[in-house]
Protein backbone atom coordinates (compact mmCIF):
# COMPACT_ATOMS: atom_id res chain seq x y z
CA MET A 1 6.99 -12.14 -18.91
CA THR A 2 4.32 -10.60 -21.14
CA ASN A 3 0.97 -12.09 -22.18
CA GLN A 4 -1.21 -10.37 -24.78
CA TYR A 5 -4.89 -9.79 -24.02
CA ASN A 6 -7.40 -7.77 -26.00
CA HIS A 7 -6.58 -4.39 -24.47
CA HIS A 8 -3.85 -5.20 -21.94
CA HIS A 9 -0.40 -6.65 -21.45
CA TYR A 10 0.36 -8.68 -18.35
CA ILE A 11 3.74 -7.74 -16.88
CA GLU A 12 5.78 -8.88 -13.92
CA GLN A 13 6.49 -6.38 -11.14
CA SER A 14 9.57 -6.62 -9.00
CA GLN A 15 7.87 -5.14 -5.95
CA GLY A 16 4.72 -5.78 -3.98
CA LEU A 17 2.82 -8.79 -2.74
CA LEU A 18 1.07 -9.55 -6.02
CA GLY A 19 4.34 -9.32 -7.92
CA SER A 20 2.49 -8.46 -11.12
CA THR A 21 0.23 -5.91 -12.71
CA TYR A 22 -1.21 -5.12 -16.11
CA TYR A 23 -0.44 -2.52 -18.75
CA GLY A 24 -3.46 -1.08 -20.55
CA THR A 25 -2.58 -0.65 -24.20
CA PHE A 26 -5.78 1.34 -24.85
CA PHE A 27 -4.95 4.05 -22.27
CA LYS A 28 -1.18 3.32 -22.29
CA GLU A 29 -0.87 3.12 -18.51
CA HIS A 30 -0.19 0.50 -15.85
CA PHE A 31 -2.96 -0.60 -13.49
CA HIS A 32 -0.83 0.05 -10.41
CA SER A 33 2.37 1.72 -9.29
CA GLN A 34 5.61 -0.08 -8.57
CA ALA A 35 4.71 0.07 -4.87
CA GLY A 36 2.61 -3.02 -5.56
CA ALA A 37 -1.02 -3.56 -6.52
CA TRP A 38 -2.09 -5.05 -3.19
CA GLU A 39 -0.22 -2.56 -1.04
CA GLU A 40 -1.38 0.44 -3.04
CA THR A 41 -5.01 -0.68 -2.98
CA CYS A 42 -4.94 -1.32 0.75
CA HIS A 43 -3.43 2.10 1.47
CA ASN A 44 -5.55 4.17 -0.90
CA PHE A 45 -8.94 2.57 -0.53
CA ILE A 46 -9.06 0.69 2.79
CA GLU A 47 -6.77 2.45 5.24
CA THR A 48 -7.02 6.09 4.11
CA PRO A 49 -10.87 6.26 4.16
CA GLU A 50 -10.80 4.21 7.41
CA ILE A 51 -13.32 1.61 6.33
CA LEU A 52 -12.63 -0.78 9.21
CA ASN A 53 -12.98 2.04 11.73
CA TYR A 54 -16.33 2.88 10.14
CA VAL A 55 -17.45 -0.74 10.50
CA TYR A 56 -16.28 -0.91 14.12
CA THR A 57 -17.82 2.39 15.24
CA GLN A 58 -21.01 2.45 13.16
CA ASN A 59 -21.66 -1.29 13.15
CA PRO A 60 -23.60 -1.09 9.85
CA LYS A 61 -25.76 -4.02 8.83
CA GLU A 62 -24.80 -3.30 5.21
CA LEU A 63 -21.67 -1.81 3.64
CA THR A 64 -22.04 -0.47 0.10
CA ILE A 65 -18.98 0.19 -2.06
CA LEU A 66 -18.62 1.60 -5.57
CA GLU A 67 -15.39 1.00 -7.42
CA ILE A 68 -14.48 2.86 -10.60
CA GLY A 69 -12.21 0.46 -12.46
CA LEU A 70 -12.24 -3.25 -11.61
CA GLY A 71 -8.70 -3.74 -12.89
CA GLN A 72 -7.33 -7.03 -11.60
CA GLY A 73 -9.87 -7.29 -8.81
CA THR A 74 -7.63 -6.10 -5.99
CA GLY A 75 -10.14 -3.53 -4.70
CA TYR A 76 -12.75 -6.15 -3.87
CA LEU A 77 -10.30 -8.86 -2.82
CA THR A 78 -8.37 -6.55 -0.49
CA LEU A 79 -11.59 -5.36 1.14
CA VAL A 80 -12.78 -8.94 1.59
CA SER A 81 -9.47 -9.86 3.24
CA LYS A 82 -9.94 -7.06 5.76
CA LEU A 83 -13.61 -7.68 6.49
CA THR A 84 -13.08 -11.40 7.04
CA SER A 85 -10.42 -10.61 9.64
CA LEU A 86 -13.31 -9.37 11.80
CA PRO A 87 -15.40 -11.64 14.01
CA ILE A 88 -18.37 -12.99 12.08
CA GLU A 89 -20.82 -11.00 14.20
CA ASN A 90 -19.09 -7.76 13.12
CA ARG A 91 -19.04 -8.46 9.39
CA PRO A 92 -21.61 -6.40 7.47
CA PHE A 93 -23.53 -7.57 4.45
CA LEU A 94 -21.30 -6.36 1.61
CA GLN A 95 -22.69 -4.78 -1.54
CA PHE A 96 -19.85 -4.13 -3.96
CA PHE A 97 -20.43 -2.49 -7.34
CA SER A 98 -17.69 -1.99 -9.92
CA LEU A 99 -17.74 -0.12 -13.23
CA GLU A 100 -15.29 -1.47 -15.80
CA LEU A 101 -14.81 -0.84 -19.51
CA PHE A 102 -12.95 -4.03 -20.43
CA GLU A 103 -14.56 -7.47 -19.99
CA GLU A 104 -11.18 -9.23 -19.91
CA CYS A 105 -10.61 -7.67 -16.50
CA LEU A 106 -12.89 -10.38 -15.11
CA LEU A 107 -10.25 -12.91 -16.21
CA PHE A 108 -7.60 -10.92 -14.34
CA ALA A 109 -9.75 -10.78 -11.21
CA GLN A 110 -10.44 -14.51 -11.37
CA GLU A 111 -6.73 -15.25 -11.70
CA THR A 112 -5.89 -13.03 -8.74
CA GLU A 113 -8.55 -14.82 -6.68
CA LYS A 114 -7.16 -18.22 -7.67
CA LYS A 115 -3.68 -17.18 -6.56
CA ILE A 116 -5.06 -16.24 -3.17
CA GLN A 117 -6.87 -19.55 -2.90
CA ARG A 118 -3.57 -21.29 -3.64
CA SER A 119 -2.19 -19.49 -0.58
CA GLN A 120 0.40 -17.55 -2.52
CA TYR A 121 -0.34 -14.56 -0.30
CA SER A 122 -0.29 -16.39 3.03
CA LYS A 123 1.94 -13.78 4.66
CA TYR A 124 -1.16 -11.60 4.83
CA SER A 125 -2.43 -12.98 8.13
CA GLU A 126 -5.88 -11.43 7.73
CA TYR A 127 -6.56 -13.93 4.96
CA SER A 128 -8.24 -16.67 6.96
CA ASP A 129 -9.43 -19.94 5.48
CA ASP A 130 -12.93 -18.58 4.98
CA SER A 131 -11.91 -15.30 3.35
CA LEU A 132 -13.01 -16.24 -0.15
CA ASN A 133 -15.69 -18.67 0.97
CA TYR A 134 -17.57 -16.12 3.04
CA TYR A 135 -18.26 -13.30 0.60
CA PRO A 136 -19.13 -13.83 -3.11
CA GLU A 137 -16.35 -14.93 -5.47
CA PHE A 138 -15.30 -13.87 -8.95
CA ASN A 139 -15.02 -17.55 -9.89
CA SER A 140 -18.46 -18.58 -8.69
CA GLN A 141 -20.77 -20.63 -10.91
CA ASN A 142 -23.39 -17.92 -10.53
CA PHE A 143 -21.04 -15.45 -12.14
CA PHE A 144 -20.58 -17.66 -15.19
CA GLU A 145 -24.30 -18.32 -15.48
CA ASN A 146 -24.95 -14.60 -15.77
CA LYS A 147 -22.23 -14.30 -18.39
CA ASN A 148 -23.38 -17.20 -20.56
CA ASN A 149 -27.08 -16.41 -20.37
CA LYS A 150 -27.19 -12.79 -21.38
CA ASN A 151 -30.48 -11.11 -22.08
CA LYS A 152 -31.55 -7.67 -23.12
CA ASN A 153 -31.78 -6.37 -19.56
CA SER A 154 -28.58 -7.87 -18.11
CA GLN A 155 -26.10 -8.15 -20.96
CA ASN A 156 -23.74 -5.62 -19.38
CA ILE A 157 -24.11 -6.78 -15.79
CA PHE A 158 -22.36 -9.72 -14.10
CA ILE A 159 -23.43 -10.77 -10.62
CA SER A 160 -22.09 -13.08 -7.93
CA LYS A 161 -24.01 -13.28 -4.67
CA ASN A 162 -24.59 -15.35 -1.57
CA THR A 163 -26.06 -14.96 1.91
CA TYR A 164 -23.37 -12.49 2.98
CA GLY A 165 -22.86 -10.26 -0.01
CA HIS A 166 -23.60 -9.05 -3.52
CA LEU A 167 -20.79 -8.52 -6.05
CA GLU A 168 -21.81 -6.78 -9.27
CA VAL A 169 -19.71 -5.59 -12.21
CA LEU A 170 -21.23 -3.34 -14.87
CA TRP A 171 -19.31 -3.50 -18.15
CA GLY A 172 -19.07 -0.69 -20.67
CA ASN A 173 -18.62 3.07 -20.81
CA ALA A 174 -18.82 4.34 -17.23
CA LEU A 175 -20.72 7.44 -18.36
CA GLU A 176 -23.52 5.06 -19.37
CA THR A 177 -23.23 2.35 -16.72
CA ILE A 178 -23.33 4.90 -13.90
CA LEU A 179 -26.87 5.76 -15.06
CA LEU A 180 -27.89 2.09 -14.93
CA LEU A 181 -26.43 1.79 -11.45
CA LYS A 182 -28.09 4.99 -10.29
CA LYS A 183 -31.48 3.71 -11.40
CA LYS A 184 -30.93 0.45 -9.51
CA LEU A 185 -29.81 2.21 -6.33
CA VAL A 186 -32.74 4.60 -6.39
CA GLN A 187 -35.19 1.73 -6.82
CA GLN A 188 -33.66 -0.09 -3.85
CA ASN A 189 -33.23 3.08 -1.75
CA ILE A 190 -29.48 2.50 -1.42
CA ASN A 191 -26.66 5.04 -1.15
CA ILE A 192 -22.94 4.40 -1.57
CA ASP A 193 -20.83 4.48 1.61
CA PHE A 194 -17.35 4.45 0.06
CA ILE A 195 -16.07 5.09 -3.46
CA PHE A 196 -12.81 3.60 -4.74
CA HIS A 197 -12.10 6.06 -7.55
CA ASP A 198 -9.45 4.23 -9.54
CA PRO A 199 -9.83 4.85 -13.30
CA PHE A 200 -6.89 5.59 -15.55
CA SER A 201 -5.34 9.02 -15.00
CA PRO A 202 -6.92 12.40 -15.88
CA SER A 203 -4.55 12.82 -18.81
CA LYS A 204 -5.51 9.44 -20.29
CA ASN A 205 -9.17 9.13 -19.27
CA PRO A 206 -10.37 12.73 -18.70
CA GLU A 207 -14.10 11.92 -18.87
CA LEU A 208 -13.95 10.31 -15.44
CA TRP A 209 -12.40 13.31 -13.69
CA THR A 210 -14.81 16.12 -14.61
CA GLY A 211 -17.20 18.05 -12.42
CA HIS A 212 -20.09 16.38 -14.22
CA TRP A 213 -18.71 12.92 -13.42
CA PHE A 214 -18.13 13.67 -9.74
CA GLU A 215 -21.61 15.19 -9.56
CA GLN A 216 -22.98 11.86 -10.79
CA LEU A 217 -21.10 10.08 -8.02
CA ARG A 218 -22.37 12.55 -5.45
CA SER A 219 -25.97 11.93 -6.53
CA ILE A 220 -25.74 8.30 -5.34
CA SER A 221 -23.93 9.13 -2.11
CA HIS A 222 -25.03 10.30 1.36
CA SER A 223 -23.66 13.12 3.52
CA GLN A 224 -20.89 10.99 5.06
CA THR A 225 -19.79 9.13 1.93
CA ARG A 226 -16.02 9.05 1.46
CA LEU A 227 -14.30 8.99 -1.92
CA SER A 228 -10.61 8.18 -2.16
CA THR A 229 -8.39 8.44 -5.21
CA TYR A 230 -4.73 8.15 -6.08
CA SER A 231 -4.77 11.36 -8.14
CA CYS A 232 -3.87 14.64 -6.50
CA SER A 233 -3.76 16.68 -9.72
CA LYS A 234 -5.28 20.10 -10.30
CA VAL A 235 -7.75 18.51 -12.70
CA THR A 236 -8.92 16.12 -9.99
CA LYS A 237 -9.31 18.86 -7.40
CA LYS A 238 -11.22 21.02 -9.87
CA GLY A 239 -13.51 18.16 -10.81
CA LEU A 240 -14.23 17.27 -7.19
CA SER A 241 -15.01 20.89 -6.31
CA GLU A 242 -17.30 21.38 -9.30
CA GLY A 243 -19.02 18.09 -8.46
CA GLY A 244 -19.84 19.24 -4.92
CA TRP A 245 -17.16 17.34 -2.98
CA PHE A 246 -14.92 18.56 -0.17
CA TYR A 247 -11.40 17.13 -0.30
CA GLU A 248 -8.17 16.96 1.66
CA LYS A 249 -4.70 15.69 0.93
CA LYS A 250 -3.54 12.47 2.56
CA ALA A 251 -0.16 10.78 2.58
CA GLY A 252 0.42 8.54 -0.41
CA LEU A 253 2.19 5.20 -0.48
CA PRO A 254 5.85 5.86 -1.41
CA PRO A 255 7.05 6.77 -3.92
CA LYS A 256 3.76 8.68 -4.30
CA ARG A 257 3.68 11.64 -1.94
CA GLU A 258 -0.02 12.51 -1.72
CA ILE A 259 -3.49 11.21 -2.55
CA LEU A 260 -6.96 12.70 -2.04
CA LEU A 261 -9.81 11.85 0.31
CA ALA A 262 -13.16 13.55 -0.38
CA ARG A 263 -16.53 13.78 1.38
CA CYS A 264 -19.94 15.06 0.41
CA SER A 265 -20.12 17.36 3.43
CA THR A 266 -17.74 18.95 5.91
CA LEU A 267 -17.85 19.68 9.61
CA GLN A 268 -17.42 23.16 11.05
CA GLY A 269 -13.74 23.90 11.54
CA SER A 270 -12.69 21.15 9.13
CA THR A 271 -9.64 21.59 6.88
CA LEU A 272 -11.46 20.06 3.92
CA LYS A 273 -11.36 22.18 0.77
CA LYS A 274 -13.91 22.69 -1.95
């Protein structure tokens, strides 16, 4: 089945929990691999950077995430499913920022969220009844209010928030929206803890894989920030190195063999490369 959107086609996938993904006609690439959108997101951005271990061992009051590429919302929704599997007293306040070029991706994220609320993914036991009622939702009224009441200062920013979290999507060219986000983070004295680097590939979207780009990401990070990405290409390694990141190869989700995990600093004796 194929549905036409402004810049994307919706296609059915034969594998994976979500059973579907999107094809970006602008960049001419799929959002996710045939391993499955949910499974790939969980492996690349939750398990590989060990977010839950960080929450358990560091017990942070706040957890701040930056995602490059909202896509169909699986980055945020997968993270929420994992965090809400924890006892309430161990759940941090979640600040989740996402940079996305295409506004229609909000529709995709809302549809994914609705599917979860209809219990289509019930085999994922970590999705408790309060999973999407605890942290902010893509389908919240607050989100629509921000969209329908644009003003000069917020026309590219969509926000959903509650007592337990802050979900914010900045629409537009990431080279520009990263500067808006940086200004906001500096004003609030916030650094990013984890980066889900998930734009289209270096061959299709090269601007988001350069040394300059990764340097921008490093400027809003702290010494222990972890960046994970599906790309293990020479271009990606070069960009990370030039941007001041130390990286190492990690096992990918089959059929992908390897992915990359990067940090802003390295410990003595570490195998991380720069």
